[in-house]
Amino acid sequence: MAGRSVRAEQVRATREAIRTTAERLFAERGVNAVSNRQISEAAGQGNTAVVGYHFGTKADLVRAIAHHHTERLERVTERLLAETGDSAELRDWVACLVRPTPTYLAELGSPTWFARFSAQVMADPALHEIVVDETLSAPVWRRILTGLHRCLPELPAEVRAERIAMTRHVILHMCADRERALALGTPTPRASWHDAATGMIDAIVGIWTAPVTEGS
């Protein structure tokens, strides 16, 4: 029994070392620029086949990294959503979309790689759907979008879809840019993740309330 427990702990530690190392390398270099050999060596694993043994394909490894974060990110989102209640204010629902990621990154401490990892994966056509499946399909996000759409009932469906995409890009890339700046020790426009989220909320409220121009 004790032997099995030790072995299980060793497996858990190995998987965690591979996952965290892969996340860092993918964030810094891009997914396609990193090999399983590089991951295993950076994770201190002598066997170069260890990545495939524990995670399968590279896509499976990307999904495992995304799932590790999104489970915890959803808990942050649920907390913020509970505070919003049945608000009829657009800004409150935009805040529910924006604040979870900066709040989560702040809770992780420094350095972090999740925002840059997400940006790299979302830019890869072959892996893009993994992050979409792991995050945007979750019920908590659908509840937020439902609340947001209630505030703008006259907005055409195609414009809503367009502005959801704009919102996603602002959050994804602004978080990745700030995370990169913090890692490099370069100045950032805002002093904290909380303040960075406030700036994004201001901008995204502007996106959602912008006029709709029809025709050319």
N, C-alpha and C. Protein backbone atom coordinates (compact mmCIF):
# COMPACT_ATOMS: atom_id res chain seq x y z
N MET A 1 0.82 -1.20 0.00
CA MET A 1 0.00 0.00 0.00
C MET A 1 0.86 1.26 0.00
N ALA A 2 1.89 1.29 0.88
CA ALA A 2 2.78 2.45 0.97
C ALA A 2 3.53 2.64 -0.34
N GLY A 3 3.95 1.50 -0.94
CA GLY A 3 4.67 1.57 -2.21
C GLY A 3 3.82 2.16 -3.31
N ARG A 4 2.54 1.76 -3.35
CA ARG A 4 1.64 2.30 -4.38
C ARG A 4 1.41 3.78 -4.17
N SER A 5 1.35 4.22 -2.90
CA SER A 5 1.14 5.62 -2.59
C SER A 5 2.33 6.46 -3.04
N VAL A 6 3.52 5.95 -2.80
CA VAL A 6 4.74 6.66 -3.22
C VAL A 6 4.79 6.75 -4.73
N ARG A 7 4.46 5.64 -5.40
CA ARG A 7 4.46 5.63 -6.86
C ARG A 7 3.45 6.61 -7.42
N ALA A 8 2.26 6.67 -6.83
CA ALA A 8 1.24 7.59 -7.30
C ALA A 8 1.70 9.04 -7.14
N GLU A 9 2.38 9.35 -6.04
CA GLU A 9 2.89 10.69 -5.81
C GLU A 9 3.99 11.04 -6.82
N GLN A 10 4.82 10.06 -7.16
CA GLN A 10 5.86 10.28 -8.15
C GLN A 10 5.26 10.58 -9.52
N VAL A 11 4.22 9.84 -9.87
CA VAL A 11 3.54 10.06 -11.15
C VAL A 11 2.91 11.44 -11.17
N ARG A 12 2.26 11.82 -10.07
CA ARG A 12 1.62 13.14 -9.99
C ARG A 12 2.67 14.24 -10.14
N ALA A 13 3.80 14.09 -9.44
CA ALA A 13 4.85 15.11 -9.50
C ALA A 13 5.45 15.21 -10.90
N THR A 14 5.62 14.06 -11.55
CA THR A 14 6.17 14.06 -12.91
C THR A 14 5.21 14.75 -13.88
N ARG A 15 3.92 14.42 -13.78
CA ARG A 15 2.93 15.04 -14.66
C ARG A 15 2.88 16.55 -14.45
N GLU A 16 2.94 16.98 -13.18
CA GLU A 16 2.88 18.41 -12.89
C GLU A 16 4.12 19.12 -13.44
N ALA A 17 5.29 18.49 -13.29
CA ALA A 17 6.51 19.10 -13.81
C ALA A 17 6.45 19.24 -15.33
N ILE A 18 5.93 18.22 -16.00
CA ILE A 18 5.80 18.28 -17.46
C ILE A 18 4.80 19.36 -17.86
N ARG A 19 3.66 19.37 -17.19
CA ARG A 19 2.61 20.32 -17.54
C ARG A 19 3.07 21.76 -17.35
N THR A 20 3.66 22.07 -16.22
CA THR A 20 4.08 23.45 -15.96
C THR A 20 5.23 23.87 -16.87
N THR A 21 6.13 22.94 -17.15
CA THR A 21 7.25 23.25 -18.05
C THR A 21 6.75 23.48 -19.46
N ALA A 22 5.85 22.63 -19.92
CA ALA A 22 5.30 22.78 -21.27
C ALA A 22 4.55 24.10 -21.39
N GLU A 23 3.79 24.47 -20.38
CA GLU A 23 3.06 25.74 -20.42
C GLU A 23 4.03 26.91 -20.58
N ARG A 24 5.11 26.89 -19.82
CA ARG A 24 6.09 27.98 -19.90
C ARG A 24 6.74 28.03 -21.28
N LEU A 25 7.16 26.90 -21.79
CA LEU A 25 7.83 26.87 -23.10
C LEU A 25 6.87 27.25 -24.22
N PHE A 26 5.65 26.74 -24.16
CA PHE A 26 4.65 27.10 -25.18
C PHE A 26 4.37 28.60 -25.14
N ALA A 27 4.28 29.17 -23.94
CA ALA A 27 3.99 30.59 -23.79
C ALA A 27 5.12 31.44 -24.36
N GLU A 28 6.35 31.03 -24.10
CA GLU A 28 7.50 31.84 -24.49
C GLU A 28 7.90 31.66 -25.95
N ARG A 29 7.70 30.44 -26.50
CA ARG A 29 8.23 30.16 -27.83
C ARG A 29 7.16 29.85 -28.88
N GLY A 30 5.96 29.50 -28.44
CA GLY A 30 4.94 29.02 -29.36
C GLY A 30 4.87 27.51 -29.33
N VAL A 31 3.69 26.97 -29.54
CA VAL A 31 3.48 25.53 -29.39
C VAL A 31 4.29 24.74 -30.40
N ASN A 32 4.27 25.16 -31.65
CA ASN A 32 4.93 24.38 -32.70
C ASN A 32 6.45 24.46 -32.64
N ALA A 33 6.98 25.43 -31.90
CA ALA A 33 8.43 25.58 -31.81
C ALA A 33 9.05 24.73 -30.70
N VAL A 34 8.22 24.02 -29.95
CA VAL A 34 8.69 23.26 -28.80
C VAL A 34 8.46 21.77 -29.03
N SER A 35 9.50 20.97 -28.86
CA SER A 35 9.40 19.53 -29.04
C SER A 35 9.21 18.83 -27.70
N ASN A 36 8.75 17.59 -27.75
CA ASN A 36 8.62 16.80 -26.52
C ASN A 36 9.98 16.61 -25.86
N ARG A 37 11.03 16.48 -26.66
CA ARG A 37 12.38 16.33 -26.10
C ARG A 37 12.76 17.58 -25.29
N GLN A 38 12.48 18.75 -25.83
CA GLN A 38 12.79 19.98 -25.11
C GLN A 38 12.00 20.09 -23.81
N ILE A 39 10.75 19.67 -23.85
CA ILE A 39 9.92 19.70 -22.63
C ILE A 39 10.49 18.76 -21.58
N SER A 40 10.79 17.54 -21.99
CA SER A 40 11.28 16.54 -21.02
C SER A 40 12.61 16.96 -20.43
N GLU A 41 13.50 17.52 -21.25
CA GLU A 41 14.80 17.97 -20.74
C GLU A 41 14.64 19.13 -19.78
N ALA A 42 13.79 20.12 -20.13
CA ALA A 42 13.59 21.28 -19.27
C ALA A 42 12.89 20.90 -17.97
N ALA A 43 12.09 19.83 -18.02
CA ALA A 43 11.38 19.36 -16.82
C ALA A 43 12.24 18.43 -15.97
N GLY A 44 13.48 18.20 -16.40
CA GLY A 44 14.39 17.37 -15.63
C GLY A 44 14.12 15.88 -15.74
N GLN A 45 13.52 15.48 -16.87
CA GLN A 45 13.18 14.07 -17.08
C GLN A 45 14.19 13.45 -18.06
N GLY A 46 14.80 12.36 -17.65
CA GLY A 46 15.81 11.73 -18.50
C GLY A 46 15.24 11.02 -19.71
N ASN A 47 14.02 10.51 -19.59
CA ASN A 47 13.39 9.75 -20.66
C ASN A 47 12.67 10.72 -21.59
N THR A 48 13.09 10.80 -22.84
CA THR A 48 12.49 11.75 -23.77
C THR A 48 11.09 11.33 -24.21
N ALA A 49 10.69 10.09 -23.91
CA ALA A 49 9.34 9.64 -24.27
C ALA A 49 8.33 9.90 -23.16
N VAL A 50 8.79 10.53 -22.08
CA VAL A 50 7.92 10.67 -20.90
C VAL A 50 6.72 11.58 -21.17
N VAL A 51 6.88 12.57 -22.04
CA VAL A 51 5.77 13.48 -22.32
C VAL A 51 4.63 12.73 -22.99
N GLY A 52 4.96 11.95 -24.01
CA GLY A 52 3.94 11.16 -24.70
C GLY A 52 3.34 10.11 -23.80
N TYR A 53 4.14 9.53 -22.93
CA TYR A 53 3.64 8.49 -22.03
C TYR A 53 2.57 9.04 -21.09
N HIS A 54 2.80 10.24 -20.56
CA HIS A 54 1.88 10.80 -19.57
C HIS A 54 0.72 11.57 -20.20
N PHE A 55 0.93 12.15 -21.38
CA PHE A 55 -0.10 13.04 -21.92
C PHE A 55 -0.58 12.67 -23.33
N GLY A 56 0.09 11.79 -24.02
CA GLY A 56 -0.34 11.44 -25.37
C GLY A 56 0.19 12.43 -26.39
N THR A 57 -0.68 12.96 -27.23
CA THR A 57 -0.27 13.88 -28.28
C THR A 57 -0.03 15.28 -27.72
N LYS A 58 0.55 16.15 -28.55
CA LYS A 58 0.75 17.53 -28.13
C LYS A 58 -0.60 18.21 -27.88
N ALA A 59 -1.59 17.89 -28.70
CA ALA A 59 -2.93 18.45 -28.50
C ALA A 59 -3.49 18.01 -27.15
N ASP A 60 -3.25 16.77 -26.76
CA ASP A 60 -3.71 16.29 -25.45
C ASP A 60 -3.01 17.05 -24.32
N LEU A 61 -1.74 17.35 -24.51
CA LEU A 61 -0.99 18.11 -23.50
C LEU A 61 -1.52 19.53 -23.40
N VAL A 62 -1.80 20.15 -24.54
CA VAL A 62 -2.38 21.51 -24.54
C VAL A 62 -3.72 21.50 -23.82
N ARG A 63 -4.54 20.49 -24.10
CA ARG A 63 -5.84 20.41 -23.44
C ARG A 63 -5.68 20.24 -21.92
N ALA A 64 -4.72 19.45 -21.49
CA ALA A 64 -4.49 19.25 -20.06
C ALA A 64 -4.08 20.55 -19.38
N ILE A 65 -3.25 21.34 -20.05
CA ILE A 65 -2.84 22.63 -19.49
C ILE A 65 -4.05 23.56 -19.40
N ALA A 66 -4.80 23.65 -20.47
CA ALA A 66 -5.99 24.51 -20.48
C ALA A 66 -6.98 24.09 -19.41
N HIS A 67 -7.22 22.79 -19.29
CA HIS A 67 -8.20 22.28 -18.32
C HIS A 67 -7.76 22.59 -16.89
N HIS A 68 -6.47 22.47 -16.62
CA HIS A 68 -5.95 22.77 -15.29
C HIS A 68 -6.32 24.19 -14.87
N HIS A 69 -6.21 25.13 -15.78
CA HIS A 69 -6.49 26.52 -15.45
C HIS A 69 -7.98 26.84 -15.48
N THR A 70 -8.68 26.32 -16.46
CA THR A 70 -10.08 26.74 -16.63
C THR A 70 -10.97 26.25 -15.49
N GLU A 71 -10.65 25.11 -14.91
CA GLU A 71 -11.42 24.66 -13.75
C GLU A 71 -11.34 25.69 -12.63
N ARG A 72 -10.13 26.21 -12.39
CA ARG A 72 -9.93 27.19 -11.32
C ARG A 72 -10.45 28.56 -11.73
N LEU A 73 -10.32 28.88 -13.02
CA LEU A 73 -10.82 30.16 -13.52
C LEU A 73 -12.34 30.24 -13.41
N GLU A 74 -13.01 29.13 -13.62
CA GLU A 74 -14.47 29.11 -13.49
C GLU A 74 -14.91 29.41 -12.07
N ARG A 75 -14.13 28.96 -11.08
CA ARG A 75 -14.48 29.25 -9.68
C ARG A 75 -14.40 30.75 -9.40
N VAL A 76 -13.38 31.42 -9.97
CA VAL A 76 -13.27 32.87 -9.84
C VAL A 76 -14.47 33.54 -10.51
N THR A 77 -14.83 33.04 -11.68
CA THR A 77 -15.94 33.62 -12.44
C THR A 77 -17.26 33.45 -11.69
N GLU A 78 -17.48 32.28 -11.12
CA GLU A 78 -18.71 32.03 -10.36
C GLU A 78 -18.82 33.02 -9.19
N ARG A 79 -17.71 33.30 -8.56
CA ARG A 79 -17.72 34.24 -7.43
C ARG A 79 -18.13 35.64 -7.89
N LEU A 80 -17.57 36.07 -9.00
CA LEU A 80 -17.91 37.39 -9.54
C LEU A 80 -19.34 37.44 -10.05
N LEU A 81 -19.78 36.34 -10.63
CA LEU A 81 -21.15 36.27 -11.15
C LEU A 81 -22.15 36.35 -10.01
N ALA A 82 -21.85 35.72 -8.89
CA ALA A 82 -22.75 35.77 -7.73
C ALA A 82 -22.89 37.19 -7.22
N GLU A 83 -21.80 37.96 -7.28
CA GLU A 83 -21.85 39.36 -6.84
C GLU A 83 -22.70 40.22 -7.78
N THR A 84 -22.76 39.83 -9.05
CA THR A 84 -23.51 40.60 -10.05
C THR A 84 -25.01 40.39 -9.92
N GLY A 85 -25.41 39.18 -9.56
CA GLY A 85 -26.83 38.89 -9.38
C GLY A 85 -27.62 39.09 -10.65
N ASP A 86 -28.72 39.82 -10.57
CA ASP A 86 -29.59 40.08 -11.73
C ASP A 86 -29.43 41.50 -12.24
N SER A 87 -28.25 42.03 -12.17
CA SER A 87 -28.01 43.41 -12.58
C SER A 87 -28.51 43.68 -14.00
N ALA A 88 -29.00 44.89 -14.20
CA ALA A 88 -29.42 45.33 -15.52
C ALA A 88 -28.41 46.29 -16.14
N GLU A 89 -27.24 46.40 -15.50
CA GLU A 89 -26.20 47.30 -15.96
C GLU A 89 -25.22 46.58 -16.88
N LEU A 90 -25.04 47.11 -18.08
CA LEU A 90 -24.11 46.51 -19.05
C LEU A 90 -22.71 46.38 -18.47
N ARG A 91 -22.26 47.40 -17.78
CA ARG A 91 -20.89 47.39 -17.25
C ARG A 91 -20.67 46.21 -16.29
N ASP A 92 -21.69 45.86 -15.52
CA ASP A 92 -21.55 44.73 -14.59
C ASP A 92 -21.30 43.42 -15.33
N TRP A 93 -22.00 43.23 -16.46
CA TRP A 93 -21.84 41.99 -17.22
C TRP A 93 -20.52 41.98 -17.99
N VAL A 94 -20.10 43.14 -18.47
CA VAL A 94 -18.79 43.23 -19.10
C VAL A 94 -17.70 42.91 -18.07
N ALA A 95 -17.89 43.41 -16.85
CA ALA A 95 -16.93 43.12 -15.78
C ALA A 95 -16.84 41.62 -15.51
N CYS A 96 -17.97 40.92 -15.60
CA CYS A 96 -17.98 39.47 -15.40
C CYS A 96 -17.17 38.76 -16.47
N LEU A 97 -17.15 39.32 -17.67
CA LEU A 97 -16.35 38.75 -18.74
C LEU A 97 -14.87 39.05 -18.57
N VAL A 98 -14.58 40.28 -18.13
CA VAL A 98 -13.20 40.75 -18.11
C VAL A 98 -12.44 40.34 -16.86
N ARG A 99 -13.03 40.56 -15.68
CA ARG A 99 -12.26 40.46 -14.44
C ARG A 99 -11.75 39.05 -14.08
N PRO A 100 -12.43 37.97 -14.46
CA PRO A 100 -11.94 36.67 -14.01
C PRO A 100 -10.48 36.39 -14.38
N THR A 101 -10.08 36.64 -15.62
CA THR A 101 -8.70 36.30 -16.01
C THR A 101 -7.67 37.16 -15.29
N PRO A 102 -7.78 38.51 -15.27
CA PRO A 102 -6.81 39.28 -14.49
C PRO A 102 -6.81 38.93 -13.00
N THR A 103 -8.01 38.68 -12.44
CA THR A 103 -8.08 38.30 -11.03
C THR A 103 -7.34 36.99 -10.79
N TYR A 104 -7.56 36.02 -11.67
CA TYR A 104 -6.90 34.72 -11.54
C TYR A 104 -5.39 34.85 -11.68
N LEU A 105 -4.94 35.64 -12.65
CA LEU A 105 -3.51 35.83 -12.85
C LEU A 105 -2.88 36.51 -11.63
N ALA A 106 -3.59 37.45 -11.03
CA ALA A 106 -3.09 38.10 -9.82
C ALA A 106 -2.97 37.10 -8.68
N GLU A 107 -3.93 36.19 -8.57
CA GLU A 107 -3.92 35.19 -7.51
C GLU A 107 -2.78 34.19 -7.69
N LEU A 108 -2.39 33.94 -8.96
CA LEU A 108 -1.31 33.00 -9.23
C LEU A 108 0.04 33.53 -8.77
N GLY A 109 0.15 34.85 -8.66
CA GLY A 109 1.44 35.44 -8.33
C GLY A 109 2.28 35.64 -9.58
N SER A 110 3.58 35.81 -9.40
CA SER A 110 4.46 36.09 -10.53
C SER A 110 5.68 35.18 -10.46
N PRO A 111 6.15 34.67 -11.59
CA PRO A 111 5.65 34.89 -12.94
C PRO A 111 4.48 33.97 -13.28
N THR A 112 3.73 34.35 -14.31
CA THR A 112 2.69 33.49 -14.85
C THR A 112 2.91 33.33 -16.34
N TRP A 113 2.32 32.28 -16.90
CA TRP A 113 2.45 32.02 -18.34
C TRP A 113 1.09 31.75 -18.99
N PHE A 114 0.03 31.67 -18.20
CA PHE A 114 -1.26 31.24 -18.72
C PHE A 114 -1.79 32.15 -19.83
N ALA A 115 -1.68 33.47 -19.67
CA ALA A 115 -2.22 34.39 -20.68
C ALA A 115 -1.47 34.24 -21.99
N ARG A 116 -0.13 34.17 -21.93
CA ARG A 116 0.65 34.01 -23.16
C ARG A 116 0.43 32.64 -23.78
N PHE A 117 0.32 31.62 -22.96
CA PHE A 117 -0.01 30.28 -23.46
C PHE A 117 -1.33 30.31 -24.22
N SER A 118 -2.35 30.94 -23.63
CA SER A 118 -3.67 31.00 -24.27
C SER A 118 -3.60 31.74 -25.60
N ALA A 119 -2.85 32.84 -25.63
CA ALA A 119 -2.71 33.61 -26.88
C ALA A 119 -2.03 32.79 -27.95
N GLN A 120 -1.00 32.04 -27.58
CA GLN A 120 -0.30 31.20 -28.55
C GLN A 120 -1.22 30.12 -29.10
N VAL A 121 -1.98 29.49 -28.23
CA VAL A 121 -2.86 28.40 -28.66
C VAL A 121 -4.00 28.93 -29.52
N MET A 122 -4.58 30.07 -29.13
CA MET A 122 -5.69 30.63 -29.89
C MET A 122 -5.26 31.06 -31.29
N ALA A 123 -3.97 31.34 -31.47
CA ALA A 123 -3.47 31.74 -32.77
C ALA A 123 -3.15 30.54 -33.67
N ASP A 124 -3.24 29.34 -33.13
CA ASP A 124 -2.92 28.12 -33.88
C ASP A 124 -4.22 27.49 -34.37
N PRO A 125 -4.45 27.46 -35.69
CA PRO A 125 -5.71 26.91 -36.21
C PRO A 125 -6.00 25.48 -35.77
N ALA A 126 -4.94 24.70 -35.59
CA ALA A 126 -5.12 23.29 -35.21
C ALA A 126 -5.47 23.11 -33.74
N LEU A 127 -5.17 24.11 -32.92
CA LEU A 127 -5.37 23.98 -31.48
C LEU A 127 -6.41 24.95 -30.93
N HIS A 128 -6.81 25.90 -31.73
CA HIS A 128 -7.75 26.95 -31.32
C HIS A 128 -8.99 26.40 -30.62
N GLU A 129 -9.58 25.34 -31.19
CA GLU A 129 -10.83 24.82 -30.64
C GLU A 129 -10.67 24.22 -29.25
N ILE A 130 -9.45 23.84 -28.90
CA ILE A 130 -9.24 23.27 -27.56
C ILE A 130 -9.55 24.30 -26.49
N VAL A 131 -9.01 25.51 -26.65
CA VAL A 131 -9.26 26.56 -25.67
C VAL A 131 -10.73 26.97 -25.70
N VAL A 132 -11.31 27.04 -26.90
CA VAL A 132 -12.73 27.39 -27.01
C VAL A 132 -13.58 26.37 -26.27
N ASP A 133 -13.29 25.07 -26.49
CA ASP A 133 -14.05 24.00 -25.83
C ASP A 133 -13.90 24.06 -24.31
N GLU A 134 -12.68 24.35 -23.86
CA GLU A 134 -12.40 24.31 -22.43
C GLU A 134 -12.94 25.53 -21.69
N THR A 135 -13.12 26.65 -22.40
CA THR A 135 -13.50 27.88 -21.71
C THR A 135 -14.86 28.40 -22.15
N LEU A 136 -14.96 28.79 -23.41
CA LEU A 136 -16.14 29.52 -23.85
C LEU A 136 -17.40 28.68 -23.89
N SER A 137 -17.27 27.36 -23.88
CA SER A 137 -18.45 26.50 -23.89
C SER A 137 -18.99 26.22 -22.49
N ALA A 138 -18.29 26.69 -21.47
CA ALA A 138 -18.71 26.43 -20.09
C ALA A 138 -20.02 27.18 -19.78
N PRO A 139 -20.93 26.58 -19.01
CA PRO A 139 -22.21 27.23 -18.69
C PRO A 139 -22.06 28.61 -18.07
N VAL A 140 -21.02 28.82 -17.28
CA VAL A 140 -20.86 30.11 -16.61
C VAL A 140 -20.70 31.24 -17.62
N TRP A 141 -20.01 30.97 -18.73
CA TRP A 141 -19.82 32.02 -19.74
C TRP A 141 -21.11 32.27 -20.49
N ARG A 142 -21.88 31.22 -20.73
CA ARG A 142 -23.17 31.41 -21.42
C ARG A 142 -24.11 32.25 -20.56
N ARG A 143 -24.07 32.05 -19.24
CA ARG A 143 -24.90 32.86 -18.34
C ARG A 143 -24.52 34.34 -18.41
N ILE A 144 -23.22 34.60 -18.48
CA ILE A 144 -22.77 35.99 -18.57
C ILE A 144 -23.20 36.61 -19.88
N LEU A 145 -23.04 35.90 -20.98
CA LEU A 145 -23.44 36.44 -22.28
C LEU A 145 -24.95 36.67 -22.34
N THR A 146 -25.71 35.80 -21.69
CA THR A 146 -27.16 36.00 -21.65
C THR A 146 -27.49 37.29 -20.92
N GLY A 147 -26.83 37.55 -19.79
CA GLY A 147 -27.05 38.78 -19.05
C GLY A 147 -26.63 40.00 -19.85
N LEU A 148 -25.52 39.88 -20.56
CA LEU A 148 -25.04 40.99 -21.38
C LEU A 148 -26.02 41.29 -22.52
N HIS A 149 -26.50 40.25 -23.18
CA HIS A 149 -27.42 40.45 -24.30
C HIS A 149 -28.74 41.07 -23.84
N ARG A 150 -29.16 40.77 -22.61
CA ARG A 150 -30.40 41.37 -22.08
C ARG A 150 -30.28 42.89 -21.99
N CYS A 151 -29.07 43.38 -21.82
CA CYS A 151 -28.86 44.83 -21.72
C CYS A 151 -28.90 45.51 -23.08
N LEU A 152 -28.74 44.73 -24.15
CA LEU A 152 -28.69 45.30 -25.51
C LEU A 152 -29.60 44.49 -26.43
N PRO A 153 -30.89 44.45 -26.14
CA PRO A 153 -31.79 43.56 -26.88
C PRO A 153 -31.94 43.91 -28.36
N GLU A 154 -31.66 45.16 -28.74
CA GLU A 154 -31.85 45.58 -30.13
C GLU A 154 -30.63 45.31 -31.00
N LEU A 155 -29.54 44.87 -30.41
CA LEU A 155 -28.32 44.67 -31.18
C LEU A 155 -28.47 43.45 -32.09
N PRO A 156 -28.25 43.60 -33.40
CA PRO A 156 -28.40 42.47 -34.32
C PRO A 156 -27.47 41.30 -33.95
N ALA A 157 -27.92 40.10 -34.25
CA ALA A 157 -27.18 38.89 -33.87
C ALA A 157 -25.77 38.88 -34.44
N GLU A 158 -25.64 39.31 -35.70
CA GLU A 158 -24.31 39.27 -36.33
C GLU A 158 -23.37 40.29 -35.68
N VAL A 159 -23.93 41.41 -35.20
CA VAL A 159 -23.10 42.40 -34.52
C VAL A 159 -22.69 41.88 -33.14
N ARG A 160 -23.61 41.19 -32.47
CA ARG A 160 -23.27 40.57 -31.19
C ARG A 160 -22.10 39.62 -31.36
N ALA A 161 -22.17 38.76 -32.37
CA ALA A 161 -21.11 37.78 -32.61
C ALA A 161 -19.78 38.48 -32.86
N GLU A 162 -19.83 39.56 -33.64
CA GLU A 162 -18.63 40.32 -33.95
C GLU A 162 -18.03 40.94 -32.69
N ARG A 163 -18.89 41.48 -31.84
CA ARG A 163 -18.39 42.16 -30.64
C ARG A 163 -17.95 41.19 -29.56
N ILE A 164 -18.52 39.99 -29.55
CA ILE A 164 -18.00 38.94 -28.67
C ILE A 164 -16.57 38.60 -29.06
N ALA A 165 -16.31 38.49 -30.37
CA ALA A 165 -14.96 38.21 -30.85
C ALA A 165 -14.01 39.34 -30.48
N MET A 166 -14.46 40.58 -30.65
CA MET A 166 -13.63 41.73 -30.27
C MET A 166 -13.31 41.70 -28.78
N THR A 167 -14.31 41.40 -27.98
CA THR A 167 -14.12 41.32 -26.53
C THR A 167 -13.09 40.26 -26.17
N ARG A 168 -13.22 39.10 -26.78
CA ARG A 168 -12.28 38.01 -26.52
C ARG A 168 -10.85 38.42 -26.87
N HIS A 169 -10.67 39.08 -28.01
CA HIS A 169 -9.33 39.48 -28.44
C HIS A 169 -8.74 40.52 -27.49
N VAL A 170 -9.55 41.48 -27.07
CA VAL A 170 -9.04 42.50 -26.14
C VAL A 170 -8.56 41.84 -24.85
N ILE A 171 -9.40 41.00 -24.26
CA ILE A 171 -9.02 40.36 -22.99
C ILE A 171 -7.79 39.49 -23.17
N LEU A 172 -7.80 38.65 -24.20
CA LEU A 172 -6.71 37.68 -24.42
C LEU A 172 -5.38 38.39 -24.63
N HIS A 173 -5.35 39.34 -25.53
CA HIS A 173 -4.07 39.93 -25.91
C HIS A 173 -3.60 41.01 -24.93
N MET A 174 -4.51 41.73 -24.32
CA MET A 174 -4.09 42.69 -23.30
C MET A 174 -3.51 41.97 -22.08
N CYS A 175 -4.12 40.85 -21.69
CA CYS A 175 -3.58 40.07 -20.57
C CYS A 175 -2.23 39.48 -20.94
N ALA A 176 -2.10 38.96 -22.16
CA ALA A 176 -0.83 38.38 -22.60
C ALA A 176 0.26 39.45 -22.65
N ASP A 177 -0.09 40.64 -23.15
CA ASP A 177 0.89 41.73 -23.22
C ASP A 177 1.36 42.15 -21.83
N ARG A 178 0.41 42.25 -20.90
CA ARG A 178 0.79 42.66 -19.54
C ARG A 178 1.63 41.56 -18.88
N GLU A 179 1.24 40.31 -19.06
CA GLU A 179 1.99 39.20 -18.48
C GLU A 179 3.42 39.19 -19.02
N ARG A 180 3.58 39.42 -20.31
CA ARG A 180 4.91 39.46 -20.93
C ARG A 180 5.74 40.61 -20.36
N ALA A 181 5.11 41.78 -20.23
CA ALA A 181 5.83 42.93 -19.68
C ALA A 181 6.28 42.67 -18.24
N LEU A 182 5.42 42.06 -17.45
CA LEU A 182 5.78 41.75 -16.07
C LEU A 182 6.94 40.76 -16.03
N ALA A 183 6.93 39.78 -16.93
CA ALA A 183 8.01 38.79 -16.97
C ALA A 183 9.34 39.43 -17.35
N LEU A 184 9.27 40.44 -18.22
CA LEU A 184 10.49 41.12 -18.68
C LEU A 184 10.90 42.28 -17.78
N GLY A 185 10.02 42.65 -16.85
CA GLY A 185 10.31 43.77 -15.98
C GLY A 185 10.20 45.12 -16.66
N THR A 186 9.39 45.19 -17.71
CA THR A 186 9.19 46.46 -18.42
C THR A 186 7.94 47.17 -17.91
N PRO A 187 7.84 48.49 -18.11
CA PRO A 187 6.69 49.24 -17.59
C PRO A 187 5.36 48.77 -18.18
N THR A 188 4.30 48.89 -17.39
CA THR A 188 2.95 48.57 -17.85
C THR A 188 2.06 49.80 -17.67
N PRO A 189 1.03 49.96 -18.51
CA PRO A 189 0.17 51.14 -18.41
C PRO A 189 -0.56 51.26 -17.08
N ARG A 190 -0.87 50.11 -16.47
CA ARG A 190 -1.61 50.12 -15.20
C ARG A 190 -0.77 49.44 -14.12
N ALA A 191 -0.99 49.86 -12.88
CA ALA A 191 -0.13 49.41 -11.79
C ALA A 191 -0.43 48.00 -11.31
N SER A 192 -1.63 47.51 -11.54
CA SER A 192 -2.04 46.21 -11.01
C SER A 192 -2.95 45.50 -12.00
N TRP A 193 -3.16 44.21 -11.77
CA TRP A 193 -4.10 43.46 -12.60
C TRP A 193 -5.51 44.01 -12.42
N HIS A 194 -5.85 44.43 -11.22
CA HIS A 194 -7.18 45.00 -10.98
C HIS A 194 -7.39 46.26 -11.82
N ASP A 195 -6.38 47.12 -11.84
CA ASP A 195 -6.48 48.35 -12.62
C ASP A 195 -6.47 48.05 -14.12
N ALA A 196 -5.70 47.06 -14.52
CA ALA A 196 -5.69 46.66 -15.94
C ALA A 196 -7.07 46.18 -16.37
N ALA A 197 -7.73 45.43 -15.49
CA ALA A 197 -9.09 44.96 -15.79
C ALA A 197 -10.05 46.14 -15.92
N THR A 198 -9.91 47.13 -15.06
CA THR A 198 -10.78 48.31 -15.13
C THR A 198 -10.62 49.01 -16.48
N GLY A 199 -9.40 49.15 -16.94
CA GLY A 199 -9.16 49.77 -18.24
C GLY A 199 -9.79 48.98 -19.37
N MET A 200 -9.70 47.66 -19.30
CA MET A 200 -10.32 46.83 -20.33
C MET A 200 -11.84 46.94 -20.29
N ILE A 201 -12.40 47.00 -19.10
CA ILE A 201 -13.86 47.14 -18.97
C ILE A 201 -14.31 48.44 -19.61
N ASP A 202 -13.60 49.53 -19.34
CA ASP A 202 -13.94 50.81 -19.96
C ASP A 202 -13.98 50.69 -21.48
N ALA A 203 -12.93 50.07 -22.04
CA ALA A 203 -12.83 49.96 -23.50
C ALA A 203 -13.90 49.05 -24.07
N ILE A 204 -14.17 47.94 -23.40
CA ILE A 204 -15.11 46.96 -23.93
C ILE A 204 -16.55 47.45 -23.82
N VAL A 205 -16.87 48.20 -22.77
CA VAL A 205 -18.19 48.84 -22.72
C VAL A 205 -18.36 49.75 -23.93
N GLY A 206 -17.29 50.43 -24.30
CA GLY A 206 -17.33 51.27 -25.50
C GLY A 206 -17.56 50.46 -26.76
N ILE A 207 -16.97 49.29 -26.84
CA ILE A 207 -17.19 48.42 -28.00
C ILE A 207 -18.66 48.03 -28.10
N TRP A 208 -19.24 47.62 -26.98
CA TRP A 208 -20.62 47.13 -26.99
C TRP A 208 -21.64 48.24 -27.21
N THR A 209 -21.32 49.45 -26.83
CA THR A 209 -22.28 50.56 -27.00
C THR A 209 -21.96 51.41 -28.22
N ALA A 210 -20.99 51.00 -29.02
CA ALA A 210 -20.67 51.75 -30.25
C ALA A 210 -21.84 51.68 -31.22
N PRO A 211 -21.98 52.70 -32.07
CA PRO A 211 -23.08 52.68 -33.06
C PRO A 211 -22.91 51.55 -34.06
N VAL A 212 -24.00 51.14 -34.65
CA VAL A 212 -23.98 50.09 -35.68
C VAL A 212 -24.26 50.76 -37.03
N THR A 213 -23.28 50.72 -37.90
CA THR A 213 -23.42 51.32 -39.22
C THR A 213 -23.83 50.24 -40.22
N GLU A 214 -24.94 50.43 -40.86
CA GLU A 214 -25.44 49.45 -41.82
C GLU A 214 -25.00 49.83 -43.24
N GLY A 215 -24.74 48.80 -44.03
CA GLY A 215 -24.35 49.05 -45.41
C GLY A 215 -22.90 49.45 -45.50
N SER A 216 -22.51 49.93 -46.66
CA SER A 216 -21.10 50.28 -46.89
C SER A 216 -20.87 51.77 -46.71
